[in-house]
Amino acid sequence: DGLDEISMGATTTVCEINDGTLTNYKLDPRDYGFKFCARGELVGGDPAQNAEIARAIFSGEKSPRRDAVVLNAAAALYVAGKAPSIEDGVRLATSLIDNGEAYQKMRDFINITNTV
């Protein structure tokens, strides 16, 4: 659907490079327990609105935006070697949001960047 991240409204074409081997596949959010959503459900706004959206997601709000954050974080955790699969990355990202660690990291980042 033209988004530059893993989409929650369509499948995403992936080309994974692992030990010099290329593997192409489609990543479908429904395969990870998510539902497709309309692009409009993901739209942000100005910086203040986007900050509020981030706070809501990291405070436990259940929404298509949270689903997008979880799935994209899961892929990043997988690529970084912090999760052995995207499925495991989904569980880890969900846990980090639900237990408040992601919110605390966001607060730490805000505090550090506001003092520099």
N, C-alpha and C. Protein backbone atom coordinates (compact mmCIF):
# COMPACT_ATOMS: atom_id res chain seq x y z
N ASP A 1 0.81 -1.21 0.00
CA ASP A 1 0.00 0.00 0.00
C ASP A 1 0.85 1.27 0.00
N GLY A 2 2.14 1.12 -0.24
CA GLY A 2 3.00 2.28 -0.39
C GLY A 2 3.62 2.80 0.88
N LEU A 3 3.34 2.20 2.02
CA LEU A 3 3.94 2.66 3.27
C LEU A 3 5.41 2.24 3.31
N ASP A 4 6.19 2.99 4.06
CA ASP A 4 7.63 2.67 4.13
C ASP A 4 7.98 1.83 5.35
N GLU A 5 6.98 1.25 5.98
CA GLU A 5 7.19 0.31 7.06
C GLU A 5 6.28 -0.89 6.83
N ILE A 6 6.33 -1.87 7.72
CA ILE A 6 5.43 -3.01 7.57
C ILE A 6 4.01 -2.49 7.69
N SER A 7 3.22 -2.81 6.70
CA SER A 7 1.86 -2.29 6.62
C SER A 7 0.90 -3.12 7.47
N MET A 8 -0.11 -2.44 7.99
CA MET A 8 -1.18 -3.12 8.69
C MET A 8 -2.42 -3.22 7.81
N GLY A 9 -2.29 -2.76 6.56
CA GLY A 9 -3.43 -2.78 5.66
C GLY A 9 -3.22 -3.61 4.42
N ALA A 10 -2.07 -4.26 4.33
CA ALA A 10 -1.75 -5.08 3.16
C ALA A 10 -0.56 -5.96 3.53
N THR A 11 -0.25 -6.89 2.65
CA THR A 11 0.97 -7.67 2.88
C THR A 11 2.17 -6.80 2.51
N THR A 12 3.30 -7.10 3.11
CA THR A 12 4.54 -6.37 2.86
C THR A 12 5.54 -7.33 2.23
N THR A 13 6.13 -6.92 1.13
CA THR A 13 7.14 -7.75 0.48
C THR A 13 8.46 -7.60 1.22
N VAL A 14 9.05 -8.72 1.57
CA VAL A 14 10.30 -8.74 2.33
C VAL A 14 11.36 -9.47 1.52
N CYS A 15 12.56 -8.95 1.53
CA CYS A 15 13.72 -9.65 1.01
C CYS A 15 14.70 -9.76 2.16
N GLU A 16 14.80 -10.95 2.71
CA GLU A 16 15.67 -11.19 3.87
C GLU A 16 17.01 -11.74 3.39
N ILE A 17 18.08 -11.15 3.89
CA ILE A 17 19.43 -11.61 3.57
C ILE A 17 19.99 -12.25 4.82
N ASN A 18 20.34 -13.52 4.71
CA ASN A 18 20.86 -14.26 5.86
C ASN A 18 22.01 -15.13 5.39
N ASP A 19 23.19 -14.85 5.89
CA ASP A 19 24.39 -15.59 5.50
C ASP A 19 24.57 -15.63 3.98
N GLY A 20 24.29 -14.50 3.32
CA GLY A 20 24.48 -14.40 1.88
C GLY A 20 23.35 -14.98 1.05
N THR A 21 22.33 -15.52 1.69
CA THR A 21 21.20 -16.10 0.98
C THR A 21 20.02 -15.13 1.02
N LEU A 22 19.44 -14.87 -0.15
CA LEU A 22 18.27 -14.00 -0.24
C LEU A 22 17.01 -14.85 -0.18
N THR A 23 16.07 -14.44 0.68
CA THR A 23 14.78 -15.10 0.77
C THR A 23 13.71 -14.03 0.62
N ASN A 24 12.86 -14.19 -0.38
CA ASN A 24 11.75 -13.26 -0.60
C ASN A 24 10.47 -13.89 -0.08
N TYR A 25 9.67 -13.08 0.62
CA TYR A 25 8.37 -13.56 1.09
C TYR A 25 7.46 -12.38 1.37
N LYS A 26 6.21 -12.70 1.58
CA LYS A 26 5.21 -11.69 1.94
C LYS A 26 4.96 -11.81 3.44
N LEU A 27 4.99 -10.68 4.10
CA LEU A 27 4.69 -10.63 5.53
C LEU A 27 3.25 -10.13 5.66
N ASP A 28 2.40 -10.96 6.25
CA ASP A 28 0.99 -10.64 6.39
C ASP A 28 0.69 -10.44 7.88
N PRO A 29 0.24 -9.27 8.30
CA PRO A 29 -0.03 -9.02 9.71
C PRO A 29 -1.00 -10.03 10.32
N ARG A 30 -1.89 -10.56 9.52
CA ARG A 30 -2.87 -11.54 10.03
C ARG A 30 -2.20 -12.82 10.48
N ASP A 31 -1.02 -13.12 9.92
CA ASP A 31 -0.29 -14.32 10.34
C ASP A 31 0.27 -14.19 11.75
N TYR A 32 0.26 -12.97 12.29
CA TYR A 32 0.80 -12.71 13.62
C TYR A 32 -0.29 -12.29 14.60
N GLY A 33 -1.54 -12.54 14.22
CA GLY A 33 -2.66 -12.26 15.11
C GLY A 33 -3.26 -10.87 15.00
N PHE A 34 -2.85 -10.11 13.98
CA PHE A 34 -3.37 -8.76 13.81
C PHE A 34 -4.42 -8.75 12.71
N LYS A 35 -5.20 -7.68 12.67
CA LYS A 35 -6.21 -7.49 11.62
C LYS A 35 -5.71 -6.41 10.67
N PHE A 36 -6.13 -6.52 9.41
CA PHE A 36 -5.90 -5.44 8.48
C PHE A 36 -6.67 -4.21 8.98
N CYS A 37 -6.14 -3.04 8.71
CA CYS A 37 -6.84 -1.82 9.05
C CYS A 37 -6.72 -0.85 7.89
N ALA A 38 -7.55 0.17 7.92
CA ALA A 38 -7.49 1.22 6.89
C ALA A 38 -6.30 2.12 7.20
N ARG A 39 -5.70 2.63 6.16
CA ARG A 39 -4.54 3.51 6.30
C ARG A 39 -4.85 4.70 7.20
N GLY A 40 -6.06 5.21 7.13
CA GLY A 40 -6.47 6.34 7.95
C GLY A 40 -6.42 6.08 9.44
N GLU A 41 -6.48 4.80 9.84
CA GLU A 41 -6.40 4.46 11.26
C GLU A 41 -4.99 4.59 11.81
N LEU A 42 -4.01 4.78 10.93
CA LEU A 42 -2.61 4.87 11.34
C LEU A 42 -2.05 6.28 11.25
N VAL A 43 -2.81 7.18 10.65
CA VAL A 43 -2.32 8.53 10.39
C VAL A 43 -2.04 9.26 11.70
N GLY A 44 -0.90 9.95 11.71
CA GLY A 44 -0.55 10.77 12.86
C GLY A 44 -0.99 12.20 12.63
N GLY A 45 -0.22 13.11 13.20
CA GLY A 45 -0.56 14.52 13.07
C GLY A 45 0.67 15.37 13.28
N ASP A 46 0.47 16.48 13.96
CA ASP A 46 1.60 17.35 14.26
C ASP A 46 2.42 16.74 15.39
N PRO A 47 3.57 17.32 15.71
CA PRO A 47 4.42 16.71 16.75
C PRO A 47 3.71 16.48 18.09
N ALA A 48 2.89 17.40 18.50
CA ALA A 48 2.17 17.22 19.78
C ALA A 48 1.20 16.04 19.70
N GLN A 49 0.49 15.93 18.58
CA GLN A 49 -0.43 14.81 18.41
C GLN A 49 0.33 13.49 18.36
N ASN A 50 1.45 13.47 17.65
CA ASN A 50 2.23 12.24 17.55
C ASN A 50 2.81 11.84 18.90
N ALA A 51 3.21 12.81 19.71
CA ALA A 51 3.70 12.50 21.05
C ALA A 51 2.59 11.89 21.89
N GLU A 52 1.39 12.42 21.77
CA GLU A 52 0.25 11.87 22.53
C GLU A 52 -0.07 10.46 22.05
N ILE A 53 0.02 10.22 20.76
CA ILE A 53 -0.22 8.88 20.22
C ILE A 53 0.81 7.91 20.80
N ALA A 54 2.08 8.30 20.82
CA ALA A 54 3.13 7.44 21.38
C ALA A 54 2.87 7.16 22.86
N ARG A 55 2.52 8.20 23.62
CA ARG A 55 2.22 7.99 25.04
C ARG A 55 1.06 7.02 25.23
N ALA A 56 0.04 7.16 24.40
CA ALA A 56 -1.13 6.27 24.51
C ALA A 56 -0.74 4.82 24.20
N ILE A 57 0.03 4.64 23.14
CA ILE A 57 0.45 3.29 22.77
C ILE A 57 1.27 2.67 23.89
N PHE A 58 2.27 3.41 24.39
CA PHE A 58 3.15 2.86 25.42
C PHE A 58 2.48 2.80 26.79
N SER A 59 1.30 3.39 26.92
CA SER A 59 0.53 3.29 28.16
C SER A 59 -0.47 2.14 28.09
N GLY A 60 -0.48 1.42 26.98
CA GLY A 60 -1.33 0.23 26.89
C GLY A 60 -2.54 0.33 26.00
N GLU A 61 -2.73 1.46 25.32
CA GLU A 61 -3.87 1.59 24.42
C GLU A 61 -3.85 0.47 23.38
N LYS A 62 -4.96 -0.18 23.18
CA LYS A 62 -5.10 -1.19 22.14
C LYS A 62 -5.70 -0.51 20.92
N SER A 63 -4.97 -0.56 19.80
CA SER A 63 -5.42 0.12 18.59
C SER A 63 -4.63 -0.40 17.40
N PRO A 64 -5.07 -0.10 16.18
CA PRO A 64 -4.27 -0.44 15.01
C PRO A 64 -2.89 0.20 15.05
N ARG A 65 -2.78 1.40 15.63
CA ARG A 65 -1.47 2.05 15.75
C ARG A 65 -0.54 1.22 16.63
N ARG A 66 -1.06 0.74 17.73
CA ARG A 66 -0.25 -0.12 18.61
C ARG A 66 0.16 -1.38 17.86
N ASP A 67 -0.79 -1.98 17.14
CA ASP A 67 -0.47 -3.19 16.38
C ASP A 67 0.67 -2.92 15.41
N ALA A 68 0.64 -1.75 14.75
CA ALA A 68 1.71 -1.39 13.80
C ALA A 68 3.04 -1.24 14.53
N VAL A 69 3.02 -0.62 15.69
CA VAL A 69 4.25 -0.47 16.48
C VAL A 69 4.78 -1.84 16.88
N VAL A 70 3.91 -2.70 17.36
CA VAL A 70 4.33 -4.03 17.80
C VAL A 70 4.93 -4.82 16.65
N LEU A 71 4.25 -4.85 15.50
CA LEU A 71 4.75 -5.67 14.39
C LEU A 71 6.05 -5.12 13.82
N ASN A 72 6.16 -3.81 13.71
CA ASN A 72 7.40 -3.23 13.21
C ASN A 72 8.53 -3.40 14.22
N ALA A 73 8.23 -3.27 15.51
CA ALA A 73 9.25 -3.51 16.54
C ALA A 73 9.66 -4.98 16.52
N ALA A 74 8.71 -5.87 16.32
CA ALA A 74 9.01 -7.31 16.25
C ALA A 74 9.99 -7.61 15.14
N ALA A 75 9.76 -7.00 13.98
CA ALA A 75 10.68 -7.21 12.86
C ALA A 75 12.06 -6.65 13.19
N ALA A 76 12.11 -5.49 13.83
CA ALA A 76 13.39 -4.89 14.21
C ALA A 76 14.11 -5.77 15.23
N LEU A 77 13.39 -6.31 16.19
CA LEU A 77 14.00 -7.20 17.19
C LEU A 77 14.55 -8.46 16.52
N TYR A 78 13.83 -8.98 15.53
CA TYR A 78 14.28 -10.15 14.78
C TYR A 78 15.55 -9.82 14.00
N VAL A 79 15.54 -8.72 13.26
CA VAL A 79 16.69 -8.33 12.45
C VAL A 79 17.92 -8.06 13.33
N ALA A 80 17.68 -7.50 14.52
CA ALA A 80 18.78 -7.19 15.44
C ALA A 80 19.28 -8.41 16.21
N GLY A 81 18.64 -9.55 16.01
CA GLY A 81 19.06 -10.76 16.71
C GLY A 81 18.58 -10.84 18.15
N LYS A 82 17.62 -10.01 18.52
CA LYS A 82 17.08 -10.01 19.88
C LYS A 82 15.90 -10.95 20.02
N ALA A 83 15.39 -11.42 18.89
CA ALA A 83 14.30 -12.40 18.87
C ALA A 83 14.60 -13.39 17.76
N PRO A 84 14.43 -14.69 18.01
CA PRO A 84 14.76 -15.69 16.99
C PRO A 84 13.80 -15.74 15.81
N SER A 85 12.64 -15.10 15.94
CA SER A 85 11.66 -15.06 14.85
C SER A 85 10.80 -13.81 15.03
N ILE A 86 10.06 -13.47 14.00
CA ILE A 86 9.15 -12.34 14.13
C ILE A 86 8.07 -12.66 15.15
N GLU A 87 7.61 -13.91 15.19
CA GLU A 87 6.61 -14.31 16.18
C GLU A 87 7.12 -14.04 17.60
N ASP A 88 8.37 -14.43 17.85
CA ASP A 88 8.96 -14.17 19.16
C ASP A 88 9.12 -12.67 19.39
N GLY A 89 9.44 -11.94 18.34
CA GLY A 89 9.54 -10.49 18.43
C GLY A 89 8.21 -9.85 18.80
N VAL A 90 7.11 -10.38 18.26
CA VAL A 90 5.78 -9.88 18.61
C VAL A 90 5.53 -10.08 20.11
N ARG A 91 5.87 -11.26 20.60
CA ARG A 91 5.67 -11.53 22.04
C ARG A 91 6.54 -10.60 22.89
N LEU A 92 7.79 -10.41 22.48
CA LEU A 92 8.70 -9.55 23.24
C LEU A 92 8.25 -8.09 23.20
N ALA A 93 7.92 -7.59 22.02
CA ALA A 93 7.47 -6.19 21.90
C ALA A 93 6.19 -5.96 22.71
N THR A 94 5.27 -6.90 22.64
CA THR A 94 4.02 -6.79 23.41
C THR A 94 4.32 -6.76 24.90
N SER A 95 5.21 -7.64 25.33
CA SER A 95 5.57 -7.70 26.75
C SER A 95 6.22 -6.39 27.20
N LEU A 96 7.12 -5.84 26.39
CA LEU A 96 7.81 -4.60 26.76
C LEU A 96 6.84 -3.42 26.87
N ILE A 97 5.81 -3.42 26.05
CA ILE A 97 4.79 -2.38 26.17
C ILE A 97 3.92 -2.64 27.39
N ASP A 98 3.45 -3.88 27.52
CA ASP A 98 2.51 -4.19 28.60
C ASP A 98 3.12 -4.07 29.99
N ASN A 99 4.42 -4.35 30.12
CA ASN A 99 5.03 -4.26 31.46
C ASN A 99 5.58 -2.87 31.77
N GLY A 100 5.43 -1.93 30.85
CA GLY A 100 5.83 -0.55 31.09
C GLY A 100 7.27 -0.21 30.74
N GLU A 101 8.07 -1.21 30.33
CA GLU A 101 9.47 -0.92 30.00
C GLU A 101 9.60 0.01 28.79
N ALA A 102 8.78 -0.17 27.79
CA ALA A 102 8.84 0.70 26.60
C ALA A 102 8.48 2.14 26.99
N TYR A 103 7.47 2.30 27.83
CA TYR A 103 7.08 3.64 28.27
C TYR A 103 8.23 4.29 29.04
N GLN A 104 8.87 3.52 29.93
CA GLN A 104 9.97 4.08 30.71
C GLN A 104 11.15 4.47 29.81
N LYS A 105 11.45 3.67 28.81
CA LYS A 105 12.54 4.02 27.87
C LYS A 105 12.19 5.30 27.12
N MET A 106 10.93 5.44 26.74
CA MET A 106 10.51 6.67 26.07
C MET A 106 10.70 7.86 27.01
N ARG A 107 10.31 7.72 28.27
CA ARG A 107 10.48 8.80 29.25
C ARG A 107 11.97 9.13 29.44
N ASP A 108 12.80 8.09 29.53
CA ASP A 108 14.24 8.30 29.67
C ASP A 108 14.78 9.09 28.48
N PHE A 109 14.36 8.72 27.28
CA PHE A 109 14.80 9.40 26.07
C PHE A 109 14.36 10.87 26.09
N ILE A 110 13.12 11.09 26.47
CA ILE A 110 12.62 12.47 26.55
C ILE A 110 13.44 13.28 27.55
N ASN A 111 13.71 12.69 28.70
CA ASN A 111 14.49 13.41 29.73
C ASN A 111 15.89 13.72 29.25
N ILE A 112 16.54 12.78 28.59
CA ILE A 112 17.90 13.00 28.11
C ILE A 112 17.93 14.07 27.02
N THR A 113 17.01 13.97 26.08
CA THR A 113 17.04 14.91 24.95
C THR A 113 16.58 16.31 25.35
N ASN A 114 15.80 16.42 26.41
CA ASN A 114 15.38 17.75 26.86
C ASN A 114 16.42 18.45 27.71
N THR A 115 17.46 17.71 28.11
CA THR A 115 18.50 18.34 28.94
C THR A 115 19.76 18.63 28.14
N VAL A 116 19.79 18.19 26.90
CA VAL A 116 20.98 18.39 26.06
C VAL A 116 20.92 19.76 25.39
